[in-house]
Amino acid sequence: MKFQTLQQLIACCSSDGVSIGQLMLSEQAKETGKSEAETFELMADYYNIMKEAVRRGIEEPVPSRSGLTGGDASRVHQYMNGGLPSLGTEACTALAYALSVSEVNASMGRIVATPTAGSCGIIPGVFVSAQERHGWEDRHLVMGLFAAGAIGYVIANNSFISGAEGGCQAEIGSAIGMAAGALTELRGGTPEQAVHAVGLALKNSLGLICDPVGGLVEIPCIVRNGFGAVTALAAADMAQAGVRSVIPSDEVIGVMLEVGTAMPAKHRETAKGGLAQTPTGRRIMNNLYGANRGRKENGEGETTQP
């Protein structure tokens, strides 16, 4: 790639006279040795998978393999259709769709990791709801995925996208930033505005720990996807309104690296801290894995049963 930072991304778009999505499509084709048409079609296939996951979670809600989660996307969708939600219909739709994809993931259905399975609902939730609202063709959304990919590329190469490395800020936070920047471009924003949206989104996610109950990508991962979709909408709106990230977005990415590096291991996907170690979290773990396994995961060591 000919850019490594978000500022370089803006400069490349300016010098080439293209959008972020167009630049990334060209660069991705060069990287893979495929034509731009082939590269586009592959991304279009990914978008179709996203749309199917949205539909399935709403229309055919299924419980997760653990039985801990499932059906909340449908509940939110029904609630939204039954009255006027506090978020308004548009944001509530994005929320429901993000929950939907995350529930499909928890039930071992097919999703696209964006950028990880733990944050797979945010971009589809934002994109599919925006497509329905604005009447956009699939092609427009596919170009948006390339824009999101460019943003994710910068974050991944300058910080983290893995909860095991940098906490949930690295997964949910990165997905929010990718969705916010891409949505800004989809709605006609400039590359500069899109990059400001990334910084605004990431600043609101700094320090978010990864504390999956029972070590599963369910609690609190699924609801965080829902909240993340709403945050992405807010960041995109602020950026298009002219709100700037006073701390440059590249510097915010650097702070995410600093915070993630300093984060205790128990708050980085080990299930040894945070919500996973509440009394209820421990009880769930014991029910899932048995008392001995639960004690080991809690750091209590081996226990001999009489």
Protein backbone atom coordinates (compact mmCIF):
# COMPACT_ATOMS: atom_id res chain seq x y z
CA MET A 1 0.00 0.00 0.00
CA LYS A 2 1.26 3.48 -0.72
CA PHE A 3 -0.16 4.83 2.53
CA GLN A 4 0.61 3.82 6.10
CA THR A 5 -1.19 6.55 8.05
CA LEU A 6 -4.52 8.31 7.74
CA GLN A 7 -2.80 11.56 6.82
CA GLN A 8 -0.98 9.78 4.01
CA LEU A 9 -4.33 8.31 2.96
CA ILE A 10 -5.79 11.82 2.66
CA ALA A 11 -2.75 12.99 0.71
CA CYS A 12 -2.98 10.07 -1.73
CA CYS A 13 -6.67 10.71 -2.32
CA SER A 14 -5.96 14.37 -2.95
CA SER A 15 -3.06 13.76 -5.35
CA ASP A 16 -4.93 11.05 -7.28
CA GLY A 17 -8.27 12.86 -7.24
CA VAL A 18 -10.13 9.81 -5.88
CA SER A 19 -12.17 8.77 -2.88
CA ILE A 20 -10.81 6.56 -0.11
CA GLY A 21 -12.79 3.62 -1.47
CA GLN A 22 -11.51 4.10 -5.01
CA LEU A 23 -7.92 4.38 -3.82
CA MET A 24 -8.21 1.22 -1.73
CA LEU A 25 -9.78 -0.74 -4.60
CA SER A 26 -6.84 0.17 -6.82
CA GLU A 27 -4.25 -0.59 -4.15
CA GLN A 28 -5.88 -3.89 -3.21
CA ALA A 29 -5.92 -5.01 -6.83
CA LYS A 30 -2.22 -4.23 -7.13
CA GLU A 31 -1.44 -6.09 -3.89
CA THR A 32 -3.28 -9.26 -4.94
CA GLY A 33 -2.44 -9.21 -8.64
CA LYS A 34 -6.14 -9.35 -9.54
CA SER A 35 -7.99 -6.92 -11.75
CA GLU A 36 -10.05 -4.19 -10.15
CA ALA A 37 -13.19 -5.87 -11.47
CA GLU A 38 -12.25 -9.18 -9.82
CA THR A 39 -11.35 -7.41 -6.59
CA PHE A 40 -14.65 -5.56 -6.59
CA GLU A 41 -16.66 -8.73 -7.17
CA LEU A 42 -14.97 -10.46 -4.26
CA MET A 43 -15.93 -7.57 -1.97
CA ALA A 44 -19.45 -7.65 -3.39
CA ASP A 45 -19.68 -11.30 -2.33
CA TYR A 46 -18.67 -10.27 1.18
CA TYR A 47 -21.39 -7.64 1.25
CA ASN A 48 -23.98 -10.22 0.23
CA ILE A 49 -22.90 -12.39 3.18
CA MET A 50 -23.33 -9.39 5.48
CA LYS A 51 -26.84 -8.72 4.19
CA GLU A 52 -27.82 -12.36 4.61
CA ALA A 53 -26.57 -12.37 8.21
CA VAL A 54 -28.64 -9.25 8.92
CA ARG A 55 -31.73 -10.88 7.47
CA ARG A 56 -31.25 -14.19 9.22
CA GLY A 57 -30.80 -12.75 12.70
CA ILE A 58 -33.96 -10.67 12.36
CA GLU A 59 -36.22 -13.16 10.60
CA GLU A 60 -34.89 -16.48 11.90
CA PRO A 61 -33.52 -15.79 15.38
CA VAL A 62 -31.59 -18.73 16.74
CA PRO A 63 -29.96 -19.26 20.14
CA SER A 64 -26.21 -19.39 20.41
CA ARG A 65 -24.49 -22.75 20.80
CA SER A 66 -24.12 -22.03 24.52
CA GLY A 67 -27.76 -21.04 24.90
CA LEU A 68 -26.71 -17.81 26.62
CA THR A 69 -27.82 -15.42 23.90
CA GLY A 70 -30.09 -15.13 20.89
CA GLY A 71 -33.25 -13.35 19.79
CA ASP A 72 -32.38 -9.87 21.03
CA ALA A 73 -32.05 -8.48 17.50
CA SER A 74 -35.58 -9.61 16.71
CA ARG A 75 -36.83 -8.17 20.01
CA VAL A 76 -35.32 -4.77 19.27
CA HIS A 77 -36.68 -4.84 15.73
CA GLN A 78 -40.19 -5.66 16.94
CA TYR A 79 -39.97 -2.98 19.61
CA MET A 80 -38.91 -0.44 16.99
CA ASN A 81 -41.83 -1.35 14.72
CA GLY A 82 -44.25 -1.13 17.63
CA GLY A 83 -43.67 2.52 18.41
CA LEU A 84 -41.21 5.38 18.40
CA PRO A 85 -37.90 4.27 19.92
CA SER A 86 -35.81 6.80 21.81
CA LEU A 87 -33.05 6.50 19.20
CA GLY A 88 -35.41 7.09 16.31
CA THR A 89 -36.10 4.51 13.64
CA GLU A 90 -32.88 4.90 11.66
CA ALA A 91 -30.44 4.46 14.55
CA CYS A 92 -32.55 1.74 16.11
CA THR A 93 -32.49 -0.17 12.82
CA ALA A 94 -28.68 -0.02 12.76
CA LEU A 95 -28.67 -1.24 16.36
CA ALA A 96 -30.97 -4.18 15.60
CA TYR A 97 -29.00 -5.17 12.50
CA ALA A 98 -25.69 -5.08 14.35
CA LEU A 99 -27.14 -7.34 17.05
CA SER A 100 -28.47 -9.62 14.34
CA VAL A 101 -25.11 -10.28 12.71
CA SER A 102 -23.43 -10.80 16.07
CA GLU A 103 -26.07 -13.34 17.05
CA VAL A 104 -25.57 -15.19 13.79
CA ASN A 105 -21.88 -15.36 14.63
CA ALA A 106 -22.63 -16.74 18.12
CA SER A 107 -24.84 -19.42 16.57
CA MET A 108 -21.95 -20.48 14.29
CA GLY A 109 -23.53 -18.92 11.22
CA ARG A 110 -21.63 -17.30 8.36
CA ILE A 111 -20.38 -13.76 8.87
CA VAL A 112 -17.57 -11.55 7.62
CA ALA A 113 -14.98 -10.54 10.21
CA THR A 114 -14.92 -6.74 10.10
CA PRO A 115 -12.24 -6.52 11.32
CA THR A 116 -12.83 -9.49 13.69
CA ALA A 117 -15.65 -11.91 14.48
CA GLY A 118 -16.13 -10.16 17.81
CA SER A 119 -16.97 -6.90 16.04
CA CYS A 120 -18.68 -8.39 12.98
CA GLY A 121 -22.03 -6.65 13.45
CA ILE A 122 -21.07 -2.99 13.40
CA ILE A 123 -20.25 -2.39 9.74
CA PRO A 124 -23.17 -4.52 8.41
CA GLY A 125 -25.53 -2.84 10.89
CA VAL A 126 -24.49 0.63 9.74
CA PHE A 127 -24.24 -0.20 6.03
CA VAL A 128 -27.42 -2.21 5.52
CA SER A 129 -29.57 0.19 7.53
CA ALA A 130 -28.10 3.16 5.62
CA GLN A 131 -28.73 1.41 2.31
CA GLU A 132 -32.38 0.89 3.18
CA ARG A 133 -32.75 4.47 4.37
CA HIS A 134 -31.12 6.13 1.36
CA GLY A 135 -32.01 3.66 -1.38
CA TRP A 136 -28.38 3.13 -2.38
CA GLU A 137 -27.38 0.42 -4.84
CA ASP A 138 -25.13 -2.38 -3.67
CA ARG A 139 -22.24 -1.00 -5.70
CA HIS A 140 -22.16 2.13 -3.55
CA LEU A 141 -21.97 0.08 -0.35
CA VAL A 142 -19.26 -2.16 -1.77
CA MET A 143 -17.12 0.91 -2.42
CA GLY A 144 -17.82 1.86 1.18
CA LEU A 145 -16.36 -1.46 2.27
CA PHE A 146 -13.14 -0.59 0.48
CA ALA A 147 -13.08 2.70 2.39
CA ALA A 148 -13.60 0.83 5.65
CA GLY A 149 -10.82 -1.56 4.63
CA ALA A 150 -8.37 1.28 4.08
CA ILE A 151 -9.11 2.65 7.55
CA GLY A 152 -8.79 -0.81 9.08
CA TYR A 153 -5.49 -1.33 7.30
CA VAL A 154 -4.03 1.78 8.92
CA ILE A 155 -5.33 0.86 12.38
CA ALA A 156 -4.07 -2.72 12.14
CA ASN A 157 -0.60 -1.65 11.07
CA ASN A 158 -0.21 1.09 13.66
CA SER A 159 -2.09 -0.34 16.64
CA PHE A 160 -4.31 -3.41 17.23
CA ILE A 161 -7.46 -5.01 15.91
CA SER A 162 -7.26 -8.01 18.25
CA GLY A 163 -8.88 -8.09 21.68
CA ALA A 164 -6.18 -10.47 22.88
CA GLU A 165 -3.57 -7.84 22.07
CA GLY A 166 -5.29 -4.56 22.88
CA GLY A 167 -8.63 -5.17 24.57
CA CYS A 168 -12.08 -4.60 23.13
CA GLN A 169 -11.08 -1.08 22.07
CA ALA A 170 -9.06 -2.84 19.39
CA GLU A 171 -12.01 -4.85 18.04
CA ILE A 172 -15.16 -2.84 18.72
CA GLY A 173 -13.30 0.47 18.62
CA SER A 174 -11.65 -0.28 15.29
CA ALA A 175 -14.94 -1.42 13.77
CA ILE A 176 -16.67 1.77 14.94
CA GLY A 177 -13.92 3.88 13.41
CA MET A 178 -14.06 1.95 10.14
CA ALA A 179 -17.85 2.23 9.95
CA ALA A 180 -17.89 5.92 10.87
CA GLY A 181 -15.25 6.90 8.32
CA ALA A 182 -16.80 4.83 5.57
CA LEU A 183 -20.31 6.13 6.25
CA THR A 184 -19.02 9.67 6.10
CA GLU A 185 -17.65 9.00 2.63
CA LEU A 186 -20.79 7.15 1.53
CA ARG A 187 -22.83 10.23 2.41
CA GLY A 188 -20.63 12.54 0.37
CA GLY A 189 -18.07 13.56 2.96
CA THR A 190 -14.49 14.36 2.03
CA PRO A 191 -11.53 12.14 2.94
CA GLU A 192 -10.62 14.72 5.60
CA GLN A 193 -14.08 14.47 7.16
CA ALA A 194 -13.95 10.68 7.02
CA VAL A 195 -10.64 10.68 8.87
CA HIS A 196 -12.02 13.04 11.51
CA ALA A 197 -14.91 10.61 11.98
CA VAL A 198 -12.39 7.86 12.66
CA GLY A 199 -10.66 9.90 15.35
CA LEU A 200 -13.93 10.92 16.98
CA ALA A 201 -15.09 7.30 17.07
CA LEU A 202 -11.84 5.88 18.42
CA LYS A 203 -11.58 8.50 21.17
CA ASN A 204 -14.93 7.32 22.52
CA SER A 205 -13.69 3.70 22.65
CA LEU A 206 -10.28 4.10 24.30
CA GLY A 207 -9.73 1.79 27.25
CA LEU A 208 -12.58 -0.60 26.49
CA ILE A 209 -11.54 -3.94 27.94
CA CYS A 210 -12.14 -7.40 26.49
CA ASP A 211 -13.89 -9.46 29.17
CA PRO A 212 -15.94 -12.21 27.47
CA VAL A 213 -18.01 -14.21 29.93
CA GLY A 214 -17.04 -17.86 29.70
CA GLY A 215 -14.50 -16.94 27.04
CA LEU A 216 -17.28 -16.80 24.46
CA VAL A 217 -17.92 -14.05 21.92
CA GLU A 218 -21.37 -13.37 23.35
CA ILE A 219 -21.52 -11.48 26.65
CA PRO A 220 -20.91 -8.52 26.46
CA CYS A 221 -19.68 -8.70 22.86
CA ILE A 222 -23.09 -8.81 21.17
CA VAL A 223 -24.56 -5.74 22.87
CA ARG A 224 -21.31 -3.85 22.32
CA ASN A 225 -21.82 -4.36 18.59
CA GLY A 226 -25.24 -2.74 18.91
CA PHE A 227 -23.91 0.23 20.83
CA GLY A 228 -21.00 0.44 18.39
CA ALA A 229 -23.27 0.85 15.39
CA VAL A 230 -25.03 3.79 17.06
CA THR A 231 -21.70 5.38 17.99
CA ALA A 232 -20.53 5.11 14.38
CA LEU A 233 -23.62 6.99 13.21
CA ALA A 234 -22.97 9.73 15.76
CA ALA A 235 -19.31 10.09 14.78
CA ALA A 236 -20.19 10.32 11.08
CA ASP A 237 -22.79 12.99 11.76
CA MET A 238 -20.39 15.03 13.87
CA ALA A 239 -17.70 14.86 11.22
CA GLN A 240 -20.06 15.94 8.45
CA ALA A 241 -21.32 18.76 10.63
CA GLY A 242 -17.76 20.06 10.81
CA VAL A 243 -16.72 18.68 14.19
CA ARG A 244 -13.02 17.90 14.10
CA SER A 245 -10.92 15.46 16.07
CA VAL A 246 -8.68 17.97 17.83
CA ILE A 247 -6.19 15.20 18.53
CA PRO A 248 -5.24 14.01 15.01
CA SER A 249 -6.71 10.63 14.23
CA ASP A 250 -3.29 9.05 13.67
CA GLU A 251 -2.31 10.18 17.17
CA VAL A 252 -5.53 8.67 18.57
CA ILE A 253 -4.53 5.36 16.96
CA GLY A 254 -1.17 5.71 18.70
CA VAL A 255 -2.92 6.21 22.03
CA MET A 256 -4.94 3.05 21.44
CA LEU A 257 -1.63 1.21 21.04
CA GLU A 258 -0.31 2.76 24.26
CA VAL A 259 -3.44 1.96 26.26
CA GLY A 260 -3.71 -1.58 24.90
CA THR A 261 -0.07 -2.31 25.65
CA ALA A 262 -0.54 -1.14 29.25
CA MET A 263 -3.79 -3.07 29.72
CA PRO A 264 -3.53 -5.99 32.19
CA ALA A 265 -3.69 -9.43 30.62
CA LYS A 266 -6.85 -10.19 32.58
CA HIS A 267 -8.61 -7.50 30.58
CA ARG A 268 -7.47 -8.78 27.19
CA GLU A 269 -9.69 -11.68 26.16
CA THR A 270 -8.57 -14.07 28.89
CA ALA A 271 -11.92 -14.03 30.75
CA LYS A 272 -9.93 -13.57 33.96
CA GLY A 273 -11.22 -10.09 34.72
CA GLY A 274 -14.04 -7.63 34.20
CA LEU A 275 -17.56 -8.92 33.60
CA ALA A 276 -16.27 -12.47 33.20
CA GLN A 277 -15.25 -12.51 36.87
CA THR A 278 -18.39 -11.11 38.41
CA PRO A 279 -20.35 -13.58 40.57
CA THR A 280 -22.77 -14.11 37.71
CA GLY A 281 -19.95 -14.43 35.20
CA ARG A 282 -18.26 -17.10 37.30
CA ARG A 283 -21.53 -18.96 37.73
CA ILE A 284 -22.08 -18.99 33.98
CA MET A 285 -18.54 -20.26 33.44
CA ASN A 286 -19.04 -23.06 35.97
CA ASN A 287 -22.33 -24.05 34.38
CA LEU A 288 -20.71 -24.16 30.97
CA TYR A 289 -17.50 -25.95 31.81
CA GLY A 290 -17.96 -27.56 35.21
CA ALA A 291 -16.71 -26.52 38.62
CA ASN A 292 -13.11 -27.63 38.12
CA ARG A 293 -12.68 -25.77 34.85
CA GLY A 294 -14.31 -22.70 36.34
CA ARG A 295 -11.87 -22.68 39.28
CA LYS A 296 -8.91 -22.99 36.95
CA GLU A 297 -10.16 -20.13 34.76
CA ASN A 298 -10.63 -18.04 37.91
CA GLY A 299 -6.98 -18.62 38.81
CA GLU A 300 -7.72 -20.91 41.74
CA GLY A 301 -5.65 -23.84 40.49
CA GLU A 302 -6.36 -27.56 40.68
CA THR A 303 -9.06 -28.86 43.00
CA THR A 304 -9.39 -32.50 44.01
CA GLN A 305 -12.92 -33.74 44.34
CA PRO A 306 -13.66 -36.22 47.15
